[in-house]
Amino acid sequence: MIRIVFLAQLREQLGCEGIEVQAAEAKSIDELKKYLCEINPHWKQFIESKKILIALNHQYVRSNLSLKAGDEVAFFPPVTGG
């Protein structure tokens, strides 16, 4: 399983804190994004936004990395400090 979490405002926009998917459903971050948009088309505008940040196992990622069972992927909006 791959654990997906949605953080901050994105959680509210999607109406979901997170889900788990079978590792076979997504072998990469791009495949995962596509899969998430297929299972809930309402999420597409948020998941595919160029502003959304992604972390793989608590590390920011900017490229299409491979995924494996046990990974955690977090999607979240840009954050600013005060």
Protein backbone atom coordinates (compact mmCIF):
# COMPACT_ATOMS: atom_id res chain seq x y z
CA MET A 1 0.00 0.00 0.00
CA ILE A 2 0.97 3.60 -0.59
CA ARG A 3 -0.32 6.12 1.93
CA ILE A 4 -1.52 9.43 0.50
CA VAL A 5 -2.12 12.41 2.80
CA PHE A 6 -3.62 15.78 1.99
CA LEU A 7 -2.48 18.67 4.16
CA ALA A 8 -3.64 22.16 5.10
CA GLN A 9 -6.19 23.87 2.85
CA LEU A 10 -5.96 21.06 0.29
CA ARG A 11 -7.51 18.67 2.82
CA GLU A 12 -10.53 20.96 3.09
CA GLN A 13 -10.81 21.47 -0.66
CA LEU A 14 -10.77 17.73 -1.33
CA GLY A 15 -12.91 16.84 1.66
CA CYS A 16 -10.47 14.09 2.55
CA GLU A 17 -7.52 13.71 4.92
CA GLY A 18 -5.95 10.92 2.93
CA ILE A 19 -6.32 7.48 1.42
CA GLU A 20 -4.33 4.34 0.78
CA VAL A 21 -3.89 2.80 -2.65
CA GLN A 22 -2.40 -0.44 -3.81
CA ALA A 23 1.19 0.01 -4.98
CA ALA A 24 0.21 -1.63 -8.28
CA GLU A 25 -2.12 1.30 -9.06
CA ALA A 26 0.74 3.81 -9.29
CA LYS A 27 4.39 3.10 -9.95
CA SER A 28 5.32 6.80 -10.06
CA ILE A 29 4.13 10.13 -8.72
CA ASP A 30 2.70 11.05 -12.14
CA GLU A 31 0.77 7.77 -12.26
CA LEU A 32 -0.48 8.39 -8.73
CA LYS A 33 -1.76 11.86 -9.64
CA LYS A 34 -3.54 10.41 -12.69
CA TYR A 35 -5.06 7.61 -10.60
CA LEU A 36 -6.30 10.04 -7.92
CA CYS A 37 -7.97 12.17 -10.59
CA GLU A 38 -9.62 9.10 -12.10
CA ILE A 39 -11.11 7.89 -8.82
CA ASN A 40 -12.39 11.38 -7.94
CA PRO A 41 -12.64 13.77 -10.93
CA HIS A 42 -13.41 16.70 -8.58
CA TRP A 43 -9.83 16.44 -7.28
CA LYS A 44 -8.27 17.04 -10.71
CA GLN A 45 -8.18 20.84 -10.47
CA PHE A 46 -6.32 20.61 -7.17
CA ILE A 47 -4.05 17.58 -7.71
CA GLU A 48 -2.85 18.77 -11.11
CA SER A 49 -2.26 22.37 -10.02
CA LYS A 50 1.29 23.53 -10.64
CA LYS A 51 1.17 25.20 -7.21
CA ILE A 52 0.70 21.96 -5.29
CA LEU A 53 3.79 20.70 -3.49
CA ILE A 54 4.58 17.03 -3.02
CA ALA A 55 6.62 15.20 -0.42
CA LEU A 56 7.71 11.59 -0.71
CA ASN A 57 8.50 10.01 2.66
CA HIS A 58 8.77 13.46 4.28
CA GLN A 59 11.14 14.87 1.62
CA TYR A 60 10.09 17.53 -0.87
CA VAL A 61 10.23 16.22 -4.41
CA ARG A 62 10.11 18.07 -7.70
CA SER A 63 10.40 15.27 -10.20
CA ASN A 64 8.49 12.18 -11.20
CA LEU A 65 9.93 9.61 -8.83
CA SER A 66 9.16 5.90 -8.58
CA LEU A 67 6.88 4.67 -5.81
CA LYS A 68 6.87 1.42 -3.89
CA ALA A 69 4.77 -0.25 -1.23
CA GLY A 70 5.19 1.47 2.13
CA ASP A 71 5.79 4.94 0.68
CA GLU A 72 3.93 7.99 1.95
CA VAL A 73 3.06 10.78 -0.47
CA ALA A 74 1.84 14.11 0.86
CA PHE A 75 0.16 16.76 -1.26
CA PHE A 76 -0.07 20.29 0.11
CA PRO A 77 -0.40 23.92 -0.98
CA PRO A 78 2.53 26.32 -0.85
CA VAL A 79 3.17 27.58 2.64
CA THR A 80 4.41 30.95 3.78
CA GLY A 81 5.87 32.11 7.03
CA GLY A 82 5.04 35.18 8.97
